[in-house]
């Protein structure tokens, strides 16, 4: 996807937390399990309540072992063909752990702090929304 190439040129922010993801649902490697967990948490915490900070965006999971991708994209809800405003990408750290990076224009907005805090909490093992 050309969008990823464009977004990779934006300043990337790597989160320091990692999560043991030995059980994977969609493919070999822990990044798929981590991406599934983050996708579940995003849908529960960012979209599960009315008046969410993220209600202007649609979350699209792109968890595909064939293309070796494990990421969640946030797109403007009114223009799903637009460039993602946020890419959350899981990457294998080793054979049993994965890390996550979040990048895109949303990270420089007021919501960027919440994204960072939520991802750190979730990669540390908590399932709490805030």
N, C-alpha and C. Protein backbone atom coordinates (compact mmCIF):
# COMPACT_ATOMS: atom_id res chain seq x y z
N UNK A 1 0.83 -1.17 0.00
CA UNK A 1 0.00 0.00 0.00
C UNK A 1 0.88 1.24 0.00
N UNK A 2 0.62 2.15 -0.93
CA UNK A 2 1.42 3.35 -1.06
C UNK A 2 1.34 4.22 0.19
N UNK A 3 0.21 4.15 0.90
CA UNK A 3 0.01 4.96 2.09
C UNK A 3 1.06 4.66 3.14
N UNK A 4 1.39 3.39 3.34
CA UNK A 4 2.38 3.03 4.33
C UNK A 4 3.72 3.64 3.99
N UNK A 5 4.11 3.60 2.73
CA UNK A 5 5.37 4.19 2.32
C UNK A 5 5.41 5.67 2.64
N UNK A 6 4.32 6.35 2.39
CA UNK A 6 4.25 7.78 2.67
C UNK A 6 4.32 8.02 4.18
N UNK A 7 3.58 7.23 4.94
CA UNK A 7 3.55 7.44 6.38
C UNK A 7 4.87 7.07 7.05
N UNK A 8 5.61 6.15 6.47
CA UNK A 8 6.89 5.79 7.06
C UNK A 8 7.85 6.96 7.09
N UNK A 9 7.64 7.93 6.20
CA UNK A 9 8.52 9.09 6.20
C UNK A 9 8.18 10.04 7.34
N UNK A 10 7.03 9.89 7.94
CA UNK A 10 6.67 10.71 9.10
C UNK A 10 7.47 10.23 10.31
N UNK A 11 7.62 11.11 11.27
CA UNK A 11 8.36 10.73 12.48
C UNK A 11 7.66 9.56 13.15
N UNK A 12 8.40 8.49 13.37
CA UNK A 12 7.86 7.29 14.00
C UNK A 12 8.12 7.34 15.49
N UNK A 13 7.19 6.78 16.25
CA UNK A 13 7.36 6.73 17.69
C UNK A 13 7.25 5.27 18.11
N UNK A 14 8.30 4.71 18.63
CA UNK A 14 8.30 3.32 19.06
C UNK A 14 8.01 3.28 20.54
N UNK A 15 7.08 2.48 20.93
CA UNK A 15 6.74 2.34 22.33
C UNK A 15 7.65 1.31 22.96
N UNK A 16 8.04 1.57 24.20
CA UNK A 16 9.02 0.71 24.84
C UNK A 16 8.45 -0.60 25.36
N UNK A 17 7.16 -0.68 25.56
CA UNK A 17 6.57 -1.90 26.11
C UNK A 17 6.57 -3.03 25.11
N UNK A 18 6.64 -4.23 25.60
CA UNK A 18 6.47 -5.39 24.73
C UNK A 18 5.63 -6.40 25.49
N UNK A 19 5.01 -7.27 24.79
CA UNK A 19 4.08 -8.20 25.38
C UNK A 19 4.41 -9.60 24.90
N UNK A 20 4.37 -10.54 25.80
CA UNK A 20 4.57 -11.93 25.41
C UNK A 20 3.32 -12.38 24.66
N UNK A 21 3.49 -12.70 23.41
CA UNK A 21 2.35 -13.05 22.57
C UNK A 21 2.59 -14.41 21.93
N UNK A 22 2.83 -15.40 22.75
CA UNK A 22 3.14 -16.72 22.21
C UNK A 22 1.95 -17.37 21.54
N UNK A 23 0.74 -16.97 21.89
CA UNK A 23 -0.43 -17.52 21.20
C UNK A 23 -0.85 -16.55 20.12
N UNK A 24 -0.83 -17.00 18.89
CA UNK A 24 -1.20 -16.14 17.77
C UNK A 24 -2.43 -16.70 17.09
N UNK A 25 -3.23 -15.81 16.54
CA UNK A 25 -4.47 -16.23 15.91
C UNK A 25 -4.37 -16.30 14.39
N UNK A 26 -3.59 -15.44 13.77
CA UNK A 26 -3.64 -15.32 12.32
C UNK A 26 -2.38 -15.75 11.60
N UNK A 27 -1.32 -16.05 12.29
CA UNK A 27 -0.13 -16.42 11.57
C UNK A 27 1.03 -16.68 12.49
N UNK A 28 2.15 -17.11 11.92
CA UNK A 28 3.33 -17.38 12.72
C UNK A 28 3.97 -16.07 13.18
N UNK A 29 4.48 -16.06 14.36
CA UNK A 29 5.13 -14.88 14.90
C UNK A 29 4.22 -14.14 15.85
N UNK A 30 4.79 -13.57 16.88
CA UNK A 30 3.99 -12.92 17.92
C UNK A 30 3.32 -11.62 17.50
N UNK A 31 3.76 -11.00 16.43
CA UNK A 31 3.16 -9.72 16.05
C UNK A 31 1.68 -9.85 15.72
N UNK A 32 1.26 -10.99 15.21
CA UNK A 32 -0.15 -11.18 14.86
C UNK A 32 -1.02 -11.25 16.11
N UNK A 33 -0.53 -11.93 17.13
CA UNK A 33 -1.27 -11.98 18.40
C UNK A 33 -1.37 -10.62 19.04
N UNK A 34 -0.28 -9.85 19.00
CA UNK A 34 -0.29 -8.50 19.58
C UNK A 34 -1.24 -7.60 18.80
N UNK A 35 -1.21 -7.67 17.48
CA UNK A 35 -2.10 -6.85 16.67
C UNK A 35 -3.56 -7.19 16.94
N UNK A 36 -3.88 -8.48 17.09
CA UNK A 36 -5.25 -8.89 17.42
C UNK A 36 -5.67 -8.32 18.77
N UNK A 37 -4.78 -8.41 19.76
CA UNK A 37 -5.08 -7.88 21.09
C UNK A 37 -5.33 -6.37 21.01
N UNK A 38 -4.46 -5.65 20.32
CA UNK A 38 -4.62 -4.20 20.20
C UNK A 38 -5.89 -3.84 19.45
N UNK A 39 -6.21 -4.58 18.41
CA UNK A 39 -7.43 -4.34 17.66
C UNK A 39 -8.66 -4.49 18.56
N UNK A 40 -8.66 -5.53 19.38
CA UNK A 40 -9.77 -5.76 20.32
C UNK A 40 -9.87 -4.60 21.33
N UNK A 41 -8.74 -4.19 21.87
CA UNK A 41 -8.73 -3.11 22.86
C UNK A 41 -9.16 -1.78 22.24
N UNK A 42 -8.70 -1.50 21.03
CA UNK A 42 -9.07 -0.26 20.35
C UNK A 42 -10.58 -0.21 20.15
N UNK A 43 -11.14 -1.30 19.69
CA UNK A 43 -12.59 -1.33 19.45
C UNK A 43 -13.38 -1.20 20.75
N UNK A 44 -12.88 -1.81 21.80
CA UNK A 44 -13.56 -1.74 23.10
C UNK A 44 -13.40 -0.36 23.73
N UNK A 45 -12.20 0.16 23.73
CA UNK A 45 -11.93 1.38 24.50
C UNK A 45 -12.11 2.67 23.71
N UNK A 46 -11.81 2.68 22.46
CA UNK A 46 -11.92 3.91 21.68
C UNK A 46 -13.27 4.07 21.01
N UNK A 47 -13.95 2.95 20.78
CA UNK A 47 -15.23 3.02 20.06
C UNK A 47 -16.40 2.45 20.87
N UNK A 48 -16.15 1.92 22.04
CA UNK A 48 -17.18 1.28 22.82
C UNK A 48 -18.07 2.23 23.60
N UNK A 49 -17.70 3.50 23.66
CA UNK A 49 -18.51 4.45 24.42
C UNK A 49 -18.87 5.64 23.53
N UNK A 50 -20.02 6.23 23.82
CA UNK A 50 -20.47 7.39 23.05
C UNK A 50 -19.57 8.59 23.34
N UNK A 51 -19.40 9.45 22.37
CA UNK A 51 -18.61 10.66 22.57
C UNK A 51 -17.12 10.40 22.63
N UNK A 52 -16.65 9.37 21.98
CA UNK A 52 -15.25 9.01 22.00
C UNK A 52 -14.39 10.05 21.29
N UNK A 53 -13.14 10.19 21.73
CA UNK A 53 -12.17 11.07 21.06
C UNK A 53 -11.89 10.61 19.65
N UNK A 54 -12.25 9.38 19.33
CA UNK A 54 -11.92 8.80 18.05
C UNK A 54 -13.15 8.60 17.15
N UNK A 55 -14.26 9.21 17.49
CA UNK A 55 -15.50 8.99 16.74
C UNK A 55 -15.43 9.52 15.31
N UNK A 56 -14.50 10.41 15.00
CA UNK A 56 -14.36 10.92 13.63
C UNK A 56 -13.58 9.95 12.74
N UNK A 57 -13.08 8.86 13.34
CA UNK A 57 -12.21 7.93 12.61
C UNK A 57 -12.80 6.52 12.60
N UNK A 58 -12.46 5.79 11.57
CA UNK A 58 -12.81 4.37 11.48
C UNK A 58 -11.52 3.58 11.64
N UNK A 59 -11.58 2.51 12.42
CA UNK A 59 -10.42 1.64 12.61
C UNK A 59 -10.52 0.47 11.64
N UNK A 60 -9.46 0.24 10.91
CA UNK A 60 -9.41 -0.85 9.93
C UNK A 60 -8.21 -1.73 10.27
N UNK A 61 -8.46 -3.00 10.56
CA UNK A 61 -7.34 -3.89 10.85
C UNK A 61 -6.75 -4.40 9.54
N UNK A 62 -5.45 -4.45 9.50
CA UNK A 62 -4.70 -4.96 8.35
C UNK A 62 -3.73 -6.00 8.89
N UNK A 63 -4.31 -7.13 9.31
CA UNK A 63 -3.53 -8.21 9.92
C UNK A 63 -3.52 -9.34 8.91
N UNK A 64 -2.41 -9.44 8.18
CA UNK A 64 -2.37 -10.32 7.03
C UNK A 64 -1.01 -11.02 6.93
N UNK A 65 -0.91 -12.28 7.33
CA UNK A 65 0.36 -13.00 7.24
C UNK A 65 0.88 -13.15 5.81
N UNK A 66 0.00 -13.21 4.84
CA UNK A 66 0.43 -13.33 3.45
C UNK A 66 1.32 -12.15 3.06
N UNK A 67 0.96 -10.96 3.50
CA UNK A 67 1.74 -9.77 3.20
C UNK A 67 2.66 -9.37 4.36
N UNK A 68 2.69 -10.22 5.40
CA UNK A 68 3.54 -10.02 6.58
C UNK A 68 3.25 -8.70 7.28
N UNK A 69 1.96 -8.33 7.33
CA UNK A 69 1.55 -7.08 7.98
C UNK A 69 0.71 -7.39 9.20
N UNK A 70 0.92 -6.60 10.23
CA UNK A 70 0.11 -6.68 11.44
C UNK A 70 -0.06 -5.26 11.93
N UNK A 71 -1.11 -4.61 11.45
CA UNK A 71 -1.30 -3.21 11.79
C UNK A 71 -2.77 -2.84 11.83
N UNK A 72 -3.03 -1.73 12.49
CA UNK A 72 -4.37 -1.16 12.56
C UNK A 72 -4.26 0.26 12.03
N UNK A 73 -5.16 0.62 11.14
CA UNK A 73 -5.16 1.94 10.53
C UNK A 73 -6.37 2.72 11.01
N UNK A 74 -6.19 3.98 11.36
CA UNK A 74 -7.31 4.87 11.63
C UNK A 74 -7.45 5.79 10.44
N UNK A 75 -8.65 5.79 9.87
CA UNK A 75 -8.96 6.56 8.67
C UNK A 75 -10.07 7.55 8.98
N UNK A 76 -10.08 8.70 8.30
CA UNK A 76 -11.21 9.61 8.49
C UNK A 76 -12.51 8.90 8.13
N UNK A 77 -13.47 8.91 9.03
CA UNK A 77 -14.72 8.18 8.83
C UNK A 77 -15.48 8.65 7.59
N UNK A 78 -15.34 9.93 7.26
CA UNK A 78 -16.06 10.48 6.11
C UNK A 78 -15.29 10.30 4.79
N UNK A 79 -14.07 9.72 4.84
CA UNK A 79 -13.29 9.51 3.63
C UNK A 79 -12.37 8.30 3.83
N UNK A 80 -12.92 7.12 3.70
CA UNK A 80 -12.17 5.90 3.95
C UNK A 80 -11.07 5.63 2.92
N UNK A 81 -11.05 6.39 1.85
CA UNK A 81 -9.99 6.25 0.84
C UNK A 81 -8.82 7.18 1.12
N UNK A 82 -8.92 8.01 2.13
CA UNK A 82 -7.85 8.96 2.47
C UNK A 82 -6.67 8.24 3.10
N UNK A 83 -5.58 8.95 3.23
CA UNK A 83 -4.42 8.40 3.92
C UNK A 83 -4.78 8.19 5.39
N UNK A 84 -4.26 7.15 6.00
CA UNK A 84 -4.52 6.95 7.43
C UNK A 84 -3.96 8.10 8.25
N UNK A 85 -4.68 8.46 9.30
CA UNK A 85 -4.19 9.48 10.22
C UNK A 85 -3.34 8.86 11.32
N UNK A 86 -3.47 7.54 11.47
CA UNK A 86 -2.69 6.81 12.47
C UNK A 86 -2.46 5.38 11.98
N UNK A 87 -1.23 4.92 12.12
CA UNK A 87 -0.87 3.54 11.83
C UNK A 87 -0.29 2.96 13.11
N UNK A 88 -0.87 1.88 13.59
CA UNK A 88 -0.35 1.15 14.75
C UNK A 88 0.15 -0.18 14.19
N UNK A 89 1.46 -0.39 14.30
CA UNK A 89 2.07 -1.54 13.65
C UNK A 89 2.78 -2.42 14.67
N UNK A 90 2.43 -3.69 14.69
CA UNK A 90 3.10 -4.66 15.55
C UNK A 90 4.24 -5.30 14.77
N UNK A 91 5.37 -5.48 15.46
CA UNK A 91 6.56 -6.08 14.84
C UNK A 91 7.13 -7.12 15.78
N UNK A 92 7.64 -8.20 15.21
CA UNK A 92 8.27 -9.23 16.03
C UNK A 92 9.55 -8.68 16.65
N UNK A 93 9.68 -8.87 17.96
CA UNK A 93 10.92 -8.51 18.66
C UNK A 93 11.84 -9.73 18.69
N UNK A 94 11.27 -10.87 18.97
CA UNK A 94 11.98 -12.16 18.93
C UNK A 94 10.92 -13.23 18.69
N UNK A 95 11.23 -14.47 18.93
CA UNK A 95 10.27 -15.54 18.59
C UNK A 95 9.05 -15.59 19.50
N UNK A 96 9.08 -14.90 20.64
CA UNK A 96 7.91 -14.95 21.53
C UNK A 96 7.41 -13.58 21.96
N UNK A 97 8.03 -12.51 21.52
CA UNK A 97 7.61 -11.16 21.92
C UNK A 97 7.50 -10.25 20.70
N UNK A 98 6.61 -9.27 20.84
CA UNK A 98 6.42 -8.28 19.79
C UNK A 98 6.41 -6.89 20.41
N UNK A 99 6.72 -5.91 19.61
CA UNK A 99 6.64 -4.51 20.02
C UNK A 99 5.67 -3.81 19.09
N UNK A 100 5.36 -2.57 19.42
CA UNK A 100 4.41 -1.82 18.62
C UNK A 100 4.95 -0.42 18.37
N UNK A 101 4.68 0.09 17.19
CA UNK A 101 4.99 1.47 16.83
C UNK A 101 3.70 2.15 16.40
N UNK A 102 3.60 3.43 16.70
CA UNK A 102 2.46 4.21 16.27
C UNK A 102 2.99 5.47 15.60
N UNK A 103 2.46 5.76 14.40
CA UNK A 103 2.93 6.94 13.69
C UNK A 103 1.83 7.47 12.79
N UNK A 104 1.99 8.69 12.39
CA UNK A 104 1.02 9.38 11.55
C UNK A 104 0.65 10.72 12.17
N UNK A 105 -0.07 11.53 11.44
CA UNK A 105 -0.39 12.88 11.90
C UNK A 105 -1.15 12.94 13.23
N UNK A 106 -1.94 11.92 13.52
CA UNK A 106 -2.70 11.93 14.78
C UNK A 106 -1.78 11.94 16.00
N UNK A 107 -0.57 11.41 15.85
CA UNK A 107 0.38 11.37 16.97
C UNK A 107 0.84 12.77 17.37
N UNK A 108 0.74 13.75 16.48
CA UNK A 108 1.11 15.12 16.80
C UNK A 108 -0.08 15.94 17.29
N UNK A 109 -1.24 15.32 17.41
CA UNK A 109 -2.44 16.02 17.88
C UNK A 109 -2.63 15.75 19.38
N UNK A 110 -3.66 16.34 19.93
CA UNK A 110 -3.98 16.13 21.34
C UNK A 110 -4.27 14.66 21.63
N UNK A 111 -4.78 13.93 20.67
CA UNK A 111 -5.08 12.51 20.87
C UNK A 111 -3.82 11.64 20.91
N UNK A 112 -2.70 12.16 20.44
CA UNK A 112 -1.46 11.40 20.44
C UNK A 112 -1.04 10.93 21.82
N UNK A 113 -1.24 11.78 22.82
CA UNK A 113 -0.90 11.39 24.19
C UNK A 113 -1.75 10.23 24.67
N UNK A 114 -3.01 10.24 24.32
CA UNK A 114 -3.88 9.14 24.72
C UNK A 114 -3.48 7.86 24.00
N UNK A 115 -3.18 7.95 22.71
CA UNK A 115 -2.74 6.77 21.95
C UNK A 115 -1.52 6.16 22.63
N UNK A 116 -0.54 7.00 22.95
CA UNK A 116 0.69 6.53 23.59
C UNK A 116 0.39 5.85 24.92
N UNK A 117 -0.40 6.51 25.76
CA UNK A 117 -0.72 5.96 27.09
C UNK A 117 -1.47 4.63 26.96
N UNK A 118 -2.46 4.59 26.07
CA UNK A 118 -3.23 3.36 25.91
C UNK A 118 -2.36 2.21 25.40
N UNK A 119 -1.55 2.47 24.40
CA UNK A 119 -0.71 1.41 23.84
C UNK A 119 0.31 0.92 24.85
N UNK A 120 0.88 1.82 25.62
CA UNK A 120 1.82 1.39 26.67
C UNK A 120 1.13 0.50 27.70
N UNK A 121 -0.07 0.92 28.10
CA UNK A 121 -0.82 0.14 29.09
C UNK A 121 -1.18 -1.25 28.53
N UNK A 122 -1.67 -1.29 27.30
CA UNK A 122 -2.10 -2.56 26.71
C UNK A 122 -0.92 -3.48 26.43
N UNK A 123 0.22 -2.94 26.00
CA UNK A 123 1.38 -3.80 25.75
C UNK A 123 2.03 -4.26 27.04
N UNK A 124 1.69 -3.62 28.15
CA UNK A 124 2.19 -4.06 29.45
C UNK A 124 1.31 -5.16 30.06
N UNK A 125 0.20 -5.47 29.39
CA UNK A 125 -0.66 -6.55 29.85
C UNK A 125 -2.00 -6.13 30.41
N UNK A 126 -2.20 -4.83 30.64
CA UNK A 126 -3.47 -4.37 31.17
C UNK A 126 -4.52 -4.33 30.06
N UNK A 127 -5.76 -4.61 30.42
CA UNK A 127 -6.86 -4.51 29.48
C UNK A 127 -7.76 -3.33 29.81
N UNK A 128 -7.32 -2.51 30.76
CA UNK A 128 -8.10 -1.34 31.17
C UNK A 128 -8.17 -0.31 30.04
N UNK A 129 -9.27 0.39 29.99
CA UNK A 129 -9.42 1.41 28.95
C UNK A 129 -8.77 2.73 29.33
N UNK A 130 -8.66 3.04 30.58
CA UNK A 130 -7.96 4.27 30.98
C UNK A 130 -7.47 4.17 32.40
